[in-house]
Amino acid sequence: MITLYGIPNCDTVKKARMWLTDHGVDYQFHDFKKQGVPDKPLDGWLKTLGWEKLVNRQGTTWRKLDAATQAAVLDAASAKTLVLANPSVIKRPVVEWGDRTTVGFDAATWTERL
């Protein structure tokens, strides 16, 4: 089963969900705002993807953080603390395909996956 993690009002998450639906792909949606960031999967994402890829440093949430908070994110442990406190700073969507986890939406890459 595919699990798509994100925030429902995020445009990229909306596109990704629509793409999955249009292609007849069954998936579960995990809403970071309502359900929080799952601790165990987060540890796995940080390990396999790296905090640099998971934390969206170009997004609005990151830009709204004060400079000291931004500067304090130096490794996976500090990124985890930030992400748990500010789920919107995660680059979206995070998708667990079963055998692999990806971040972001790219229709061409997703078509190849299927």
Foldseek 3Di string as FASTA:
>chain_A
DKEKEDAVVDPQVVVVVVLCVVVVHDYHYHHCVPRNDDDVVLVVCCVPVNLVQFFQCPDPVNVPDDPVLNVQPDGSVSSVVVCRVPVNRTADIWMDPPVDIDGTDDSVVVVVVD
